[in-house]
Amino acid sequence: MQQKWIGLIALFSLILGVYLAITIAPPGFNDDKPLSEQTQHLNWYPQARALTDFELSKHDGSTMTNADLTGQWTLAFVGYTFCPDICPVTLAQINNVYPQLQASVQETPLRVWFLSVDPNRDTVERLNEYVSYFNPDFIATTGPHIQLFPLVRSMGMMYSTSESTDNPNYLVDHSASIVVINPEGNVVGRFKPKHIPGELAISDVDHILADMPILLGSS
C-alpha cells in the first residue's frame, strides 16, 4: 500500500513539473530557435554584414570607430539635422519608446546612433545641439563623404544630395530604415519604413518595441 502511494506521488510530481514547465516557462525558453525566427518585423539580412572601417566625429567632439559598436546592440539611423520631416519624427518616436527598450536590456546595452550624411552643414556643435534635444543618451556622428558613402552602403542604405549645395536649403535624399547592429559590430537587418499614401515613410516603432526586447534578452 505504501509503495502504491509513493508511486502516485511520484506520478503527480512528474505531471505537475511538466505542467509548470509548459505554462510558466521563463523568457528565453525558445532560445534554441534562431533569433530571426523569434522576431516578427525585423527584416533580417541573409547573413550579418561587416561595416567598412570608419573614423567619425561624434557630437561631443570625440572620435567614433568600428570598435565603439562592439559589446552592445545598436539602432542606427541615417539622416541630417536640416531634414524637414523624416529625421526629427523618427528620432522623436524612438525616444518615446526608449525607456521601454532600456527596461528590456539584460546584459548587453542598447545604443541609438544618428549618422549624419550632411557634413557640409552638420558640424559637431550642431550635432550636439540636435541630438541632445531628443535624448542626451543618443549618439550623433558625421565625417567626410569618402568615409560616409562606403559606410552607408555597407549598412544596406543609401543617400544622395538632390540639388546643388550652393543652395543653403538643399535637401539630402536618404534611406529611412532603422538598421540593427549586433554586439559584434555587424549589421543583421533593418526595420523598414511604412509606405502609406499621405503619410511619412518612417519605420514603425511599435515593430521595434515588439522585436528588440527579444534581441536584448538574448545576450
N, C-alpha and C. Protein backbone atom coordinates (compact mmCIF):
# COMPACT_ATOMS: atom_id res chain seq x y z
N MET A 1 0.84 -1.21 0.00
CA MET A 1 0.00 0.00 0.00
C MET A 1 0.87 1.25 0.00
N GLN A 2 1.93 1.21 0.80
CA GLN A 2 2.82 2.36 0.90
C GLN A 2 3.50 2.60 -0.45
N GLN A 3 3.91 1.53 -1.13
CA GLN A 3 4.56 1.69 -2.43
C GLN A 3 3.60 2.28 -3.45
N LYS A 4 2.30 1.93 -3.32
CA LYS A 4 1.31 2.49 -4.24
C LYS A 4 1.22 3.98 -4.07
N TRP A 5 1.21 4.46 -2.80
CA TRP A 5 1.13 5.91 -2.55
C TRP A 5 2.39 6.61 -3.04
N ILE A 6 3.53 5.98 -2.84
CA ILE A 6 4.79 6.58 -3.30
C ILE A 6 4.76 6.73 -4.82
N GLY A 7 4.23 5.69 -5.50
CA GLY A 7 4.13 5.73 -6.95
C GLY A 7 3.20 6.82 -7.42
N LEU A 8 2.07 6.98 -6.73
CA LEU A 8 1.11 8.01 -7.10
C LEU A 8 1.69 9.40 -6.89
N ILE A 9 2.41 9.58 -5.80
CA ILE A 9 3.02 10.88 -5.50
C ILE A 9 4.07 11.22 -6.56
N ALA A 10 4.86 10.20 -6.93
CA ALA A 10 5.89 10.43 -7.94
C ALA A 10 5.26 10.80 -9.28
N LEU A 11 4.16 10.12 -9.63
CA LEU A 11 3.47 10.42 -10.89
C LEU A 11 2.89 11.82 -10.87
N PHE A 12 2.29 12.17 -9.73
CA PHE A 12 1.71 13.52 -9.59
C PHE A 12 2.79 14.58 -9.72
N SER A 13 3.94 14.35 -9.10
CA SER A 13 5.04 15.31 -9.16
C SER A 13 5.53 15.49 -10.59
N LEU A 14 5.59 14.38 -11.32
CA LEU A 14 6.03 14.45 -12.73
C LEU A 14 5.06 15.26 -13.56
N ILE A 15 3.76 14.99 -13.39
CA ILE A 15 2.74 15.71 -14.15
C ILE A 15 2.78 17.20 -13.80
N LEU A 16 2.91 17.52 -12.51
CA LEU A 16 2.98 18.91 -12.07
C LEU A 16 4.19 19.61 -12.65
N GLY A 17 5.32 18.93 -12.69
CA GLY A 17 6.54 19.52 -13.23
C GLY A 17 6.40 19.85 -14.70
N VAL A 18 5.81 18.91 -15.46
CA VAL A 18 5.59 19.15 -16.89
C VAL A 18 4.65 20.32 -17.10
N TYR A 19 3.57 20.37 -16.30
CA TYR A 19 2.60 21.46 -16.41
C TYR A 19 3.24 22.81 -16.15
N LEU A 20 4.02 22.90 -15.07
CA LEU A 20 4.66 24.17 -14.74
C LEU A 20 5.66 24.57 -15.80
N ALA A 21 6.38 23.60 -16.33
CA ALA A 21 7.38 23.91 -17.36
C ALA A 21 6.73 24.48 -18.61
N ILE A 22 5.53 24.00 -18.93
CA ILE A 22 4.83 24.47 -20.12
C ILE A 22 4.17 25.81 -19.91
N THR A 23 3.55 25.98 -18.73
CA THR A 23 2.72 27.17 -18.52
C THR A 23 3.48 28.38 -18.01
N ILE A 24 4.57 28.16 -17.29
CA ILE A 24 5.29 29.32 -16.75
C ILE A 24 6.75 29.27 -17.15
N ALA A 25 7.00 28.84 -18.37
CA ALA A 25 8.38 28.81 -18.87
C ALA A 25 8.93 30.22 -18.89
N PRO A 26 10.14 30.42 -18.42
CA PRO A 26 10.72 31.76 -18.37
C PRO A 26 11.02 32.29 -19.75
N PRO A 27 11.17 33.64 -19.87
CA PRO A 27 11.56 34.21 -21.16
C PRO A 27 12.84 33.56 -21.64
N GLY A 28 12.91 33.37 -22.96
CA GLY A 28 14.11 32.73 -23.50
C GLY A 28 14.00 31.23 -23.56
N PHE A 29 12.77 30.68 -23.21
CA PHE A 29 12.58 29.24 -23.22
C PHE A 29 12.83 28.66 -24.60
N ASN A 30 12.57 29.48 -25.66
CA ASN A 30 12.77 29.01 -27.02
C ASN A 30 14.07 29.55 -27.61
N ASP A 31 15.06 29.74 -26.76
CA ASP A 31 16.32 30.31 -27.21
C ASP A 31 17.06 29.40 -28.17
N ASP A 32 16.60 28.13 -28.28
CA ASP A 32 17.25 27.24 -29.22
C ASP A 32 16.88 27.62 -30.65
N LYS A 33 15.80 28.39 -30.83
CA LYS A 33 15.42 28.86 -32.16
C LYS A 33 16.27 30.07 -32.53
N PRO A 34 16.64 30.19 -33.81
CA PRO A 34 17.40 31.38 -34.24
C PRO A 34 16.60 32.65 -33.94
N LEU A 35 17.32 33.73 -33.65
CA LEU A 35 16.65 34.99 -33.35
C LEU A 35 15.78 35.44 -34.52
N SER A 36 16.21 35.13 -35.74
CA SER A 36 15.45 35.53 -36.91
C SER A 36 14.07 34.88 -36.96
N GLU A 37 13.92 33.76 -36.27
CA GLU A 37 12.63 33.07 -36.23
C GLU A 37 11.80 33.51 -35.02
N GLN A 38 12.42 34.21 -34.09
CA GLN A 38 11.70 34.67 -32.92
C GLN A 38 11.10 36.06 -33.11
N THR A 39 11.69 36.85 -34.01
CA THR A 39 11.17 38.19 -34.27
C THR A 39 10.12 38.14 -35.38
N GLN A 40 9.28 39.17 -35.42
CA GLN A 40 8.18 39.20 -36.38
C GLN A 40 8.35 40.28 -37.45
N HIS A 41 9.04 41.36 -37.13
CA HIS A 41 9.04 42.52 -38.01
C HIS A 41 10.42 42.88 -38.58
N LEU A 42 11.48 42.53 -37.89
CA LEU A 42 12.82 42.87 -38.35
C LEU A 42 13.13 42.16 -39.66
N ASN A 43 13.56 42.92 -40.65
CA ASN A 43 13.94 42.35 -41.94
C ASN A 43 15.40 41.91 -41.86
N TRP A 44 15.61 40.62 -41.63
CA TRP A 44 16.96 40.10 -41.43
C TRP A 44 17.69 39.97 -42.77
N TYR A 45 18.96 40.34 -42.79
CA TYR A 45 19.78 40.07 -43.97
C TYR A 45 20.15 38.59 -43.98
N PRO A 46 20.41 38.02 -45.17
CA PRO A 46 20.76 36.60 -45.24
C PRO A 46 21.93 36.24 -44.34
N GLN A 47 22.87 37.16 -44.19
CA GLN A 47 23.96 36.98 -43.24
C GLN A 47 24.40 38.35 -42.73
N ALA A 48 24.98 38.37 -41.55
CA ALA A 48 25.41 39.64 -40.96
C ALA A 48 26.43 40.32 -41.86
N ARG A 49 26.33 41.65 -41.96
CA ARG A 49 27.22 42.42 -42.81
C ARG A 49 28.26 43.16 -41.98
N ALA A 50 29.51 43.01 -42.34
CA ALA A 50 30.58 43.76 -41.68
C ALA A 50 30.58 45.18 -42.22
N LEU A 51 30.72 46.14 -41.35
CA LEU A 51 30.79 47.53 -41.77
C LEU A 51 32.20 47.88 -42.24
N THR A 52 32.28 48.78 -43.19
CA THR A 52 33.60 49.25 -43.61
C THR A 52 34.27 49.98 -42.45
N ASP A 53 35.58 50.02 -42.45
CA ASP A 53 36.29 50.73 -41.39
C ASP A 53 35.99 52.22 -41.46
N PHE A 54 35.76 52.81 -40.32
CA PHE A 54 35.45 54.24 -40.30
C PHE A 54 36.05 54.91 -39.06
N GLU A 55 36.21 56.20 -39.17
CA GLU A 55 36.64 57.04 -38.06
C GLU A 55 35.89 58.36 -38.19
N LEU A 56 34.86 58.52 -37.38
CA LEU A 56 33.94 59.65 -37.50
C LEU A 56 34.04 60.58 -36.29
N SER A 57 33.52 61.77 -36.47
CA SER A 57 33.47 62.75 -35.37
C SER A 57 32.14 62.64 -34.65
N LYS A 58 32.19 62.48 -33.34
CA LYS A 58 30.98 62.41 -32.53
C LYS A 58 30.52 63.81 -32.12
N HIS A 59 29.28 63.87 -31.69
CA HIS A 59 28.69 65.15 -31.30
C HIS A 59 29.37 65.78 -30.09
N ASP A 60 30.10 64.97 -29.33
CA ASP A 60 30.78 65.52 -28.15
C ASP A 60 32.24 65.88 -28.45
N GLY A 61 32.63 65.79 -29.72
CA GLY A 61 33.99 66.16 -30.11
C GLY A 61 34.97 65.01 -30.11
N SER A 62 34.57 63.84 -29.62
CA SER A 62 35.45 62.69 -29.62
C SER A 62 35.34 61.94 -30.95
N THR A 63 36.09 60.86 -31.06
CA THR A 63 36.12 60.07 -32.30
C THR A 63 35.40 58.75 -32.09
N MET A 64 34.69 58.31 -33.11
CA MET A 64 34.00 57.02 -33.06
C MET A 64 34.53 56.14 -34.18
N THR A 65 34.85 54.88 -33.84
CA THR A 65 35.33 53.90 -34.81
C THR A 65 34.49 52.63 -34.71
N ASN A 66 34.81 51.65 -35.52
CA ASN A 66 34.08 50.37 -35.50
C ASN A 66 34.10 49.74 -34.12
N ALA A 67 35.20 49.93 -33.41
CA ALA A 67 35.34 49.31 -32.09
C ALA A 67 34.27 49.78 -31.12
N ASP A 68 33.74 50.99 -31.34
CA ASP A 68 32.73 51.54 -30.43
C ASP A 68 31.37 50.87 -30.60
N LEU A 69 31.22 50.04 -31.61
CA LEU A 69 29.95 49.35 -31.84
C LEU A 69 29.92 47.97 -31.19
N THR A 70 31.04 47.48 -30.73
CA THR A 70 31.08 46.14 -30.15
C THR A 70 30.60 46.16 -28.70
N GLY A 71 30.05 45.02 -28.28
CA GLY A 71 29.61 44.89 -26.89
C GLY A 71 28.24 45.46 -26.61
N GLN A 72 27.47 45.75 -27.65
CA GLN A 72 26.15 46.32 -27.45
C GLN A 72 25.31 46.10 -28.71
N TRP A 73 24.00 46.26 -28.56
CA TRP A 73 23.11 46.33 -29.71
C TRP A 73 22.96 47.79 -30.09
N THR A 74 22.87 48.07 -31.38
CA THR A 74 22.76 49.45 -31.84
C THR A 74 21.62 49.60 -32.84
N LEU A 75 20.81 50.63 -32.63
CA LEU A 75 19.82 51.05 -33.61
C LEU A 75 20.41 52.26 -34.33
N ALA A 76 20.66 52.13 -35.62
CA ALA A 76 21.32 53.19 -36.38
C ALA A 76 20.38 53.78 -37.42
N PHE A 77 20.46 55.10 -37.57
CA PHE A 77 19.59 55.81 -38.49
C PHE A 77 20.39 56.84 -39.26
N VAL A 78 20.24 56.84 -40.59
CA VAL A 78 20.96 57.76 -41.46
C VAL A 78 20.09 58.98 -41.75
N GLY A 79 20.68 60.18 -41.66
CA GLY A 79 19.89 61.38 -41.94
C GLY A 79 20.74 62.63 -41.86
N TYR A 80 20.09 63.74 -41.53
CA TYR A 80 20.81 65.02 -41.38
C TYR A 80 19.95 65.98 -40.58
N THR A 81 20.57 66.93 -39.92
CA THR A 81 19.84 67.79 -38.98
C THR A 81 18.90 68.77 -39.67
N PHE A 82 19.16 69.09 -40.94
CA PHE A 82 18.29 70.00 -41.67
C PHE A 82 17.10 69.27 -42.31
N CYS A 83 17.01 67.98 -42.10
CA CYS A 83 15.90 67.19 -42.63
C CYS A 83 14.57 67.75 -42.09
N PRO A 84 13.63 68.04 -42.97
CA PRO A 84 12.41 68.70 -42.51
C PRO A 84 11.36 67.80 -41.89
N ASP A 85 11.48 66.48 -42.06
CA ASP A 85 10.38 65.64 -41.59
C ASP A 85 10.81 64.27 -41.06
N ILE A 86 11.35 63.41 -41.92
CA ILE A 86 11.60 62.02 -41.53
C ILE A 86 12.54 61.91 -40.33
N CYS A 87 13.63 62.65 -40.35
CA CYS A 87 14.62 62.53 -39.27
C CYS A 87 14.08 62.95 -37.90
N PRO A 88 13.51 64.15 -37.78
CA PRO A 88 13.02 64.52 -36.45
C PRO A 88 11.88 63.65 -35.96
N VAL A 89 11.00 63.22 -36.87
CA VAL A 89 9.89 62.38 -36.44
C VAL A 89 10.40 61.01 -35.99
N THR A 90 11.34 60.45 -36.74
CA THR A 90 11.89 59.14 -36.38
C THR A 90 12.61 59.20 -35.04
N LEU A 91 13.46 60.20 -34.85
CA LEU A 91 14.19 60.31 -33.59
C LEU A 91 13.25 60.54 -32.42
N ALA A 92 12.20 61.34 -32.64
CA ALA A 92 11.24 61.59 -31.57
C ALA A 92 10.50 60.32 -31.18
N GLN A 93 10.14 59.52 -32.18
CA GLN A 93 9.41 58.29 -31.88
C GLN A 93 10.31 57.25 -31.22
N ILE A 94 11.56 57.17 -31.64
CA ILE A 94 12.49 56.26 -30.96
C ILE A 94 12.64 56.69 -29.51
N ASN A 95 12.75 57.99 -29.31
CA ASN A 95 12.89 58.49 -27.93
C ASN A 95 11.67 58.14 -27.09
N ASN A 96 10.49 58.12 -27.69
CA ASN A 96 9.26 57.80 -26.94
C ASN A 96 9.28 56.38 -26.39
N VAL A 97 9.87 55.45 -27.15
CA VAL A 97 9.89 54.05 -26.70
C VAL A 97 11.23 53.68 -26.05
N TYR A 98 12.16 54.60 -26.02
CA TYR A 98 13.50 54.32 -25.50
C TYR A 98 13.47 53.81 -24.05
N PRO A 99 12.68 54.41 -23.15
CA PRO A 99 12.64 53.86 -21.77
C PRO A 99 12.21 52.41 -21.73
N GLN A 100 11.25 52.04 -22.56
CA GLN A 100 10.79 50.65 -22.58
C GLN A 100 11.85 49.72 -23.15
N LEU A 101 12.57 50.20 -24.14
CA LEU A 101 13.66 49.39 -24.70
C LEU A 101 14.75 49.19 -23.67
N GLN A 102 15.08 50.25 -22.95
CA GLN A 102 16.12 50.15 -21.92
C GLN A 102 15.71 49.20 -20.81
N ALA A 103 14.41 49.15 -20.52
CA ALA A 103 13.93 48.24 -19.48
C ALA A 103 14.07 46.78 -19.90
N SER A 104 14.22 46.54 -21.21
CA SER A 104 14.38 45.18 -21.72
C SER A 104 15.83 44.72 -21.73
N VAL A 105 16.76 45.64 -21.49
CA VAL A 105 18.18 45.30 -21.52
C VAL A 105 18.50 44.36 -20.37
N GLN A 106 19.22 43.29 -20.69
CA GLN A 106 19.68 42.37 -19.64
C GLN A 106 21.18 42.57 -19.42
N GLU A 107 22.01 41.91 -20.22
CA GLU A 107 23.45 42.07 -20.04
C GLU A 107 24.06 43.03 -21.07
N THR A 108 23.54 43.01 -22.29
CA THR A 108 24.14 43.80 -23.37
C THR A 108 23.40 45.12 -23.54
N PRO A 109 24.09 46.26 -23.47
CA PRO A 109 23.43 47.57 -23.57
C PRO A 109 22.85 47.83 -24.95
N LEU A 110 22.04 48.89 -25.03
CA LEU A 110 21.45 49.34 -26.28
C LEU A 110 21.89 50.78 -26.54
N ARG A 111 22.24 51.06 -27.80
CA ARG A 111 22.66 52.41 -28.19
C ARG A 111 21.85 52.85 -29.41
N VAL A 112 21.54 54.14 -29.46
CA VAL A 112 20.88 54.74 -30.62
C VAL A 112 21.90 55.65 -31.30
N TRP A 113 22.11 55.42 -32.60
CA TRP A 113 23.16 56.12 -33.35
C TRP A 113 22.55 56.85 -34.53
N PHE A 114 22.70 58.17 -34.55
CA PHE A 114 22.25 59.00 -35.66
C PHE A 114 23.46 59.36 -36.50
N LEU A 115 23.49 58.88 -37.74
CA LEU A 115 24.63 59.10 -38.63
C LEU A 115 24.28 60.19 -39.64
N SER A 116 24.85 61.36 -39.48
CA SER A 116 24.58 62.46 -40.40
C SER A 116 25.38 62.28 -41.68
N VAL A 117 24.69 62.42 -42.80
CA VAL A 117 25.34 62.32 -44.12
C VAL A 117 25.42 63.70 -44.77
N ASP A 118 25.41 64.73 -43.94
CA ASP A 118 25.49 66.11 -44.42
C ASP A 118 26.61 66.85 -43.69
N PRO A 119 27.86 66.42 -43.90
CA PRO A 119 28.97 67.04 -43.15
C PRO A 119 29.19 68.51 -43.49
N ASN A 120 28.67 68.95 -44.62
CA ASN A 120 28.82 70.34 -45.03
C ASN A 120 28.17 71.30 -44.03
N ARG A 121 27.03 70.89 -43.50
CA ARG A 121 26.30 71.76 -42.57
C ARG A 121 26.29 71.23 -41.14
N ASP A 122 26.39 69.91 -40.99
CA ASP A 122 26.27 69.32 -39.65
C ASP A 122 27.61 69.29 -38.93
N THR A 123 27.92 70.40 -38.31
CA THR A 123 29.13 70.50 -37.51
C THR A 123 28.95 69.73 -36.21
N VAL A 124 30.03 69.53 -35.51
CA VAL A 124 29.97 68.85 -34.21
C VAL A 124 29.04 69.60 -33.27
N GLU A 125 29.14 70.92 -33.28
CA GLU A 125 28.31 71.74 -32.38
C GLU A 125 26.82 71.57 -32.71
N ARG A 126 26.51 71.58 -34.00
CA ARG A 126 25.11 71.44 -34.39
C ARG A 126 24.59 70.04 -34.07
N LEU A 127 25.41 69.03 -34.32
CA LEU A 127 25.00 67.66 -33.98
C LEU A 127 24.73 67.52 -32.49
N ASN A 128 25.58 68.14 -31.68
CA ASN A 128 25.42 68.06 -30.24
C ASN A 128 24.09 68.68 -29.80
N GLU A 129 23.79 69.84 -30.34
CA GLU A 129 22.54 70.52 -30.01
C GLU A 129 21.34 69.71 -30.49
N TYR A 130 21.46 69.16 -31.69
CA TYR A 130 20.35 68.44 -32.31
C TYR A 130 20.03 67.15 -31.57
N VAL A 131 21.02 66.30 -31.37
CA VAL A 131 20.76 65.00 -30.76
C VAL A 131 20.41 65.14 -29.29
N SER A 132 20.99 66.13 -28.61
CA SER A 132 20.69 66.33 -27.20
C SER A 132 19.25 66.78 -26.98
N TYR A 133 18.69 67.42 -27.99
CA TYR A 133 17.28 67.83 -27.90
C TYR A 133 16.38 66.62 -27.78
N PHE A 134 16.70 65.55 -28.49
CA PHE A 134 15.88 64.34 -28.45
C PHE A 134 16.21 63.48 -27.23
N ASN A 135 17.51 63.20 -27.04
CA ASN A 135 17.91 62.39 -25.89
C ASN A 135 19.42 62.50 -25.71
N PRO A 136 19.89 62.89 -24.55
CA PRO A 136 21.34 63.02 -24.33
C PRO A 136 22.09 61.70 -24.39
N ASP A 137 21.34 60.58 -24.34
CA ASP A 137 21.99 59.28 -24.44
C ASP A 137 22.25 58.87 -25.89
N PHE A 138 21.57 59.52 -26.83
CA PHE A 138 21.77 59.18 -28.23
C PHE A 138 23.13 59.70 -28.70
N ILE A 139 23.66 59.05 -29.73
CA ILE A 139 24.96 59.43 -30.29
C ILE A 139 24.75 59.92 -31.72
N ALA A 140 25.42 61.01 -32.07
CA ALA A 140 25.37 61.54 -33.44
C ALA A 140 26.79 61.66 -33.96
N THR A 141 26.99 61.30 -35.21
CA THR A 141 28.32 61.38 -35.81
C THR A 141 28.21 61.87 -37.25
N THR A 142 29.32 62.31 -37.77
CA THR A 142 29.44 62.60 -39.19
C THR A 142 30.91 62.50 -39.57
N GLY A 143 31.16 62.65 -40.87
CA GLY A 143 32.53 62.55 -41.37
C GLY A 143 32.55 62.90 -42.84
N PRO A 144 33.68 62.82 -43.48
CA PRO A 144 33.78 63.14 -44.91
C PRO A 144 33.05 62.11 -45.75
N HIS A 145 32.58 62.54 -46.91
CA HIS A 145 31.84 61.64 -47.80
C HIS A 145 32.66 60.43 -48.21
N ILE A 146 33.97 60.57 -48.27
CA ILE A 146 34.81 59.45 -48.67
C ILE A 146 34.69 58.29 -47.68
N GLN A 147 34.29 58.60 -46.46
CA GLN A 147 34.01 57.55 -45.47
C GLN A 147 32.53 57.22 -45.40
N LEU A 148 31.69 58.25 -45.52
CA LEU A 148 30.26 58.05 -45.36
C LEU A 148 29.65 57.17 -46.45
N PHE A 149 30.05 57.39 -47.71
CA PHE A 149 29.46 56.62 -48.81
C PHE A 149 29.65 55.12 -48.61
N PRO A 150 30.88 54.63 -48.43
CA PRO A 150 31.03 53.17 -48.26
C PRO A 150 30.42 52.66 -46.96
N LEU A 151 30.44 53.48 -45.91
CA LEU A 151 29.85 53.04 -44.64
C LEU A 151 28.35 52.85 -44.78
N VAL A 152 27.68 53.82 -45.36
CA VAL A 152 26.23 53.73 -45.53
C VAL A 152 25.87 52.57 -46.45
N ARG A 153 26.64 52.36 -47.51
CA ARG A 153 26.38 51.23 -48.41
C ARG A 153 26.54 49.90 -47.67
N SER A 154 27.55 49.81 -46.81
CA SER A 154 27.77 48.56 -46.09
C SER A 154 26.64 48.28 -45.09
N MET A 155 25.89 49.32 -44.73
CA MET A 155 24.72 49.15 -43.87
C MET A 155 23.51 48.64 -44.66
N GLY A 156 23.62 48.71 -46.01
CA GLY A 156 22.48 48.37 -46.83
C GLY A 156 21.58 49.57 -47.05
N MET A 157 22.15 50.77 -46.89
CA MET A 157 21.40 52.02 -47.01
C MET A 157 22.00 52.88 -48.13
N MET A 158 21.40 54.07 -48.35
CA MET A 158 21.91 54.97 -49.38
C MET A 158 21.59 56.41 -49.01
N TYR A 159 22.30 57.33 -49.68
CA TYR A 159 21.95 58.76 -49.57
C TYR A 159 22.52 59.47 -50.78
N SER A 160 21.94 60.61 -51.10
CA SER A 160 22.43 61.42 -52.21
C SER A 160 21.91 62.84 -52.04
N THR A 161 22.69 63.80 -52.49
CA THR A 161 22.27 65.20 -52.46
C THR A 161 21.47 65.49 -53.71
N SER A 162 20.25 65.91 -53.52
CA SER A 162 19.32 66.05 -54.65
C SER A 162 19.47 67.35 -55.42
N GLU A 163 20.25 68.29 -54.93
CA GLU A 163 20.43 69.55 -55.61
C GLU A 163 21.77 70.16 -55.23
N SER A 164 22.10 71.28 -55.84
CA SER A 164 23.38 71.92 -55.58
C SER A 164 23.48 72.40 -54.14
N THR A 165 24.64 72.19 -53.55
CA THR A 165 24.86 72.65 -52.18
C THR A 165 25.07 74.16 -52.12
N ASP A 166 25.07 74.81 -53.28
CA ASP A 166 25.12 76.28 -53.28
C ASP A 166 23.84 76.86 -52.70
N ASN A 167 22.77 76.07 -52.81
CA ASN A 167 21.51 76.47 -52.19
C ASN A 167 21.59 76.12 -50.70
N PRO A 168 21.54 77.11 -49.82
CA PRO A 168 21.70 76.82 -48.38
C PRO A 168 20.62 75.91 -47.82
N ASN A 169 19.52 75.77 -48.53
CA ASN A 169 18.41 74.92 -48.06
C ASN A 169 18.29 73.62 -48.85
N TYR A 170 19.44 73.16 -49.40
CA TYR A 170 19.38 71.93 -50.19
C TYR A 170 18.93 70.74 -49.34
N LEU A 171 18.32 69.78 -50.02
CA LEU A 171 17.82 68.57 -49.36
C LEU A 171 18.74 67.39 -49.66
N VAL A 172 18.73 66.42 -48.77
CA VAL A 172 19.52 65.19 -48.95
C VAL A 172 18.56 64.01 -48.92
N ASP A 173 18.55 63.25 -50.01
CA ASP A 173 17.73 62.03 -50.04
C ASP A 173 18.47 60.93 -49.28
N HIS A 174 17.75 60.19 -48.46
CA HIS A 174 18.41 59.13 -47.68
C HIS A 174 17.41 58.04 -47.31
N SER A 175 17.93 56.86 -47.05
CA SER A 175 17.10 55.74 -46.61
C SER A 175 16.47 56.07 -45.26
N ALA A 176 15.26 55.58 -45.07
CA ALA A 176 14.54 55.87 -43.83
C ALA A 176 14.47 54.66 -42.89
N SER A 177 15.08 53.56 -43.29
CA SER A 177 15.08 52.38 -42.43
C SER A 177 15.91 52.61 -41.18
N ILE A 178 15.63 51.83 -40.15
CA ILE A 178 16.43 51.82 -38.93
C ILE A 178 17.21 50.51 -38.91
N VAL A 179 18.53 50.62 -38.91
CA VAL A 179 19.40 49.46 -39.02
C VAL A 179 19.70 48.89 -37.63
N VAL A 180 19.81 47.57 -37.56
CA VAL A 180 20.16 46.90 -36.30
C VAL A 180 21.57 46.33 -36.42
N ILE A 181 22.43 46.72 -35.49
CA ILE A 181 23.82 46.27 -35.46
C ILE A 181 24.02 45.41 -34.21
N ASN A 182 24.58 44.22 -34.39
CA ASN A 182 24.73 43.30 -33.27
C ASN A 182 25.96 43.62 -32.42
N PRO A 183 26.14 42.93 -31.29
CA PRO A 183 27.27 43.23 -30.40
C PRO A 183 28.64 42.95 -31.00
N GLU A 184 28.69 42.30 -32.15
CA GLU A 184 29.97 42.09 -32.85
C GLU A 184 30.26 43.24 -33.80
N GLY A 185 29.35 44.21 -33.87
CA GLY A 185 29.55 45.36 -34.74
C GLY A 185 29.15 45.13 -36.18
N ASN A 186 28.33 44.10 -36.43
CA ASN A 186 27.88 43.78 -37.78
C ASN A 186 26.39 44.07 -37.94
N VAL A 187 25.99 44.47 -39.13
CA VAL A 187 24.59 44.76 -39.41
C VAL A 187 23.85 43.45 -39.65
N VAL A 188 22.76 43.24 -38.92
CA VAL A 188 22.00 41.99 -39.08
C VAL A 188 20.69 42.19 -39.82
N GLY A 189 20.20 43.41 -39.88
CA GLY A 189 18.93 43.65 -40.57
C GLY A 189 18.45 45.07 -40.35
N ARG A 190 17.20 45.31 -40.71
CA ARG A 190 16.66 46.67 -40.56
C ARG A 190 15.15 46.63 -40.42
N PHE A 191 14.64 47.66 -39.79
CA PHE A 191 13.20 47.89 -39.72
C PHE A 191 12.86 48.84 -40.85
N LYS A 192 12.10 48.36 -41.82
CA LYS A 192 11.79 49.16 -42.99
C LYS A 192 10.66 50.14 -42.70
N PRO A 193 10.65 51.26 -43.40
CA PRO A 193 9.58 52.25 -43.20
C PRO A 193 8.26 51.77 -43.77
N LYS A 194 7.19 52.29 -43.20
CA LYS A 194 5.86 52.03 -43.74
C LYS A 194 5.63 52.95 -44.94
N HIS A 195 4.93 52.46 -45.92
CA HIS A 195 4.60 53.28 -47.08
C HIS A 195 3.08 53.37 -47.19
N ILE A 196 2.55 54.41 -46.57
CA ILE A 196 1.11 54.65 -46.57
C ILE A 196 0.85 55.98 -47.27
N PRO A 197 0.01 55.98 -48.30
CA PRO A 197 -0.27 57.22 -49.04
C PRO A 197 -0.69 58.35 -48.10
N GLY A 198 -0.03 59.49 -48.28
CA GLY A 198 -0.38 60.65 -47.48
C GLY A 198 0.33 60.72 -46.14
N GLU A 199 1.15 59.72 -45.81
CA GLU A 199 1.87 59.71 -44.54
C GLU A 199 3.36 59.60 -44.78
N LEU A 200 4.14 60.06 -43.78
CA LEU A 200 5.59 59.96 -43.87
C LEU A 200 6.02 58.49 -43.90
N ALA A 201 7.02 58.19 -44.71
CA ALA A 201 7.56 56.83 -44.77
C ALA A 201 8.59 56.66 -43.67
N ILE A 202 8.14 56.29 -42.49
CA ILE A 202 9.04 56.09 -41.36
C ILE A 202 8.84 54.69 -40.79
N SER A 203 9.85 54.21 -40.11
CA SER A 203 9.78 52.87 -39.50
C SER A 203 8.78 52.89 -38.35
N ASP A 204 8.09 51.80 -38.19
CA ASP A 204 7.08 51.66 -37.14
C ASP A 204 7.78 51.31 -35.82
N VAL A 205 7.76 52.24 -34.88
CA VAL A 205 8.45 51.98 -33.61
C VAL A 205 7.75 50.89 -32.80
N ASP A 206 6.48 50.64 -33.09
CA ASP A 206 5.82 49.52 -32.41
C ASP A 206 6.45 48.20 -32.83
N HIS A 207 6.92 48.12 -34.09
CA HIS A 207 7.63 46.93 -34.54
C HIS A 207 8.96 46.80 -33.80
N ILE A 208 9.62 47.91 -33.60
CA ILE A 208 10.89 47.90 -32.86
C ILE A 208 10.64 47.47 -31.42
N LEU A 209 9.59 48.01 -30.84
CA LEU A 209 9.27 47.68 -29.46
C LEU A 209 8.88 46.22 -29.30
N ALA A 210 8.35 45.61 -30.35
CA ALA A 210 7.97 44.20 -30.28
C ALA A 210 9.17 43.28 -30.43
N ASP A 211 10.12 43.65 -31.29
CA ASP A 211 11.23 42.74 -31.63
C ASP A 211 12.51 42.97 -30.84
N MET A 212 12.84 44.22 -30.56
CA MET A 212 14.13 44.48 -29.91
C MET A 212 14.27 43.83 -28.53
N PRO A 213 13.22 43.79 -27.71
CA PRO A 213 13.38 43.10 -26.42
C PRO A 213 13.82 41.65 -26.56
N ILE A 214 13.46 41.00 -27.66
CA ILE A 214 13.88 39.62 -27.90
C ILE A 214 15.39 39.57 -28.10
N LEU A 215 15.91 40.53 -28.87
CA LEU A 215 17.34 40.60 -29.10
C LEU A 215 18.09 41.02 -27.83
N LEU A 216 17.52 41.99 -27.13
CA LEU A 216 18.17 42.47 -25.92
C LEU A 216 18.16 41.43 -24.81
N GLY A 217 17.20 40.53 -24.85
CA GLY A 217 17.13 39.48 -23.85
C GLY A 217 17.90 38.23 -24.23
N SER A 218 18.54 38.25 -25.41
CA SER A 218 19.22 37.06 -25.88
C SER A 218 20.68 37.02 -25.44
N SER A 219 21.19 38.13 -24.91
CA SER A 219 22.63 38.20 -24.60
C SER A 219 22.87 37.99 -23.12
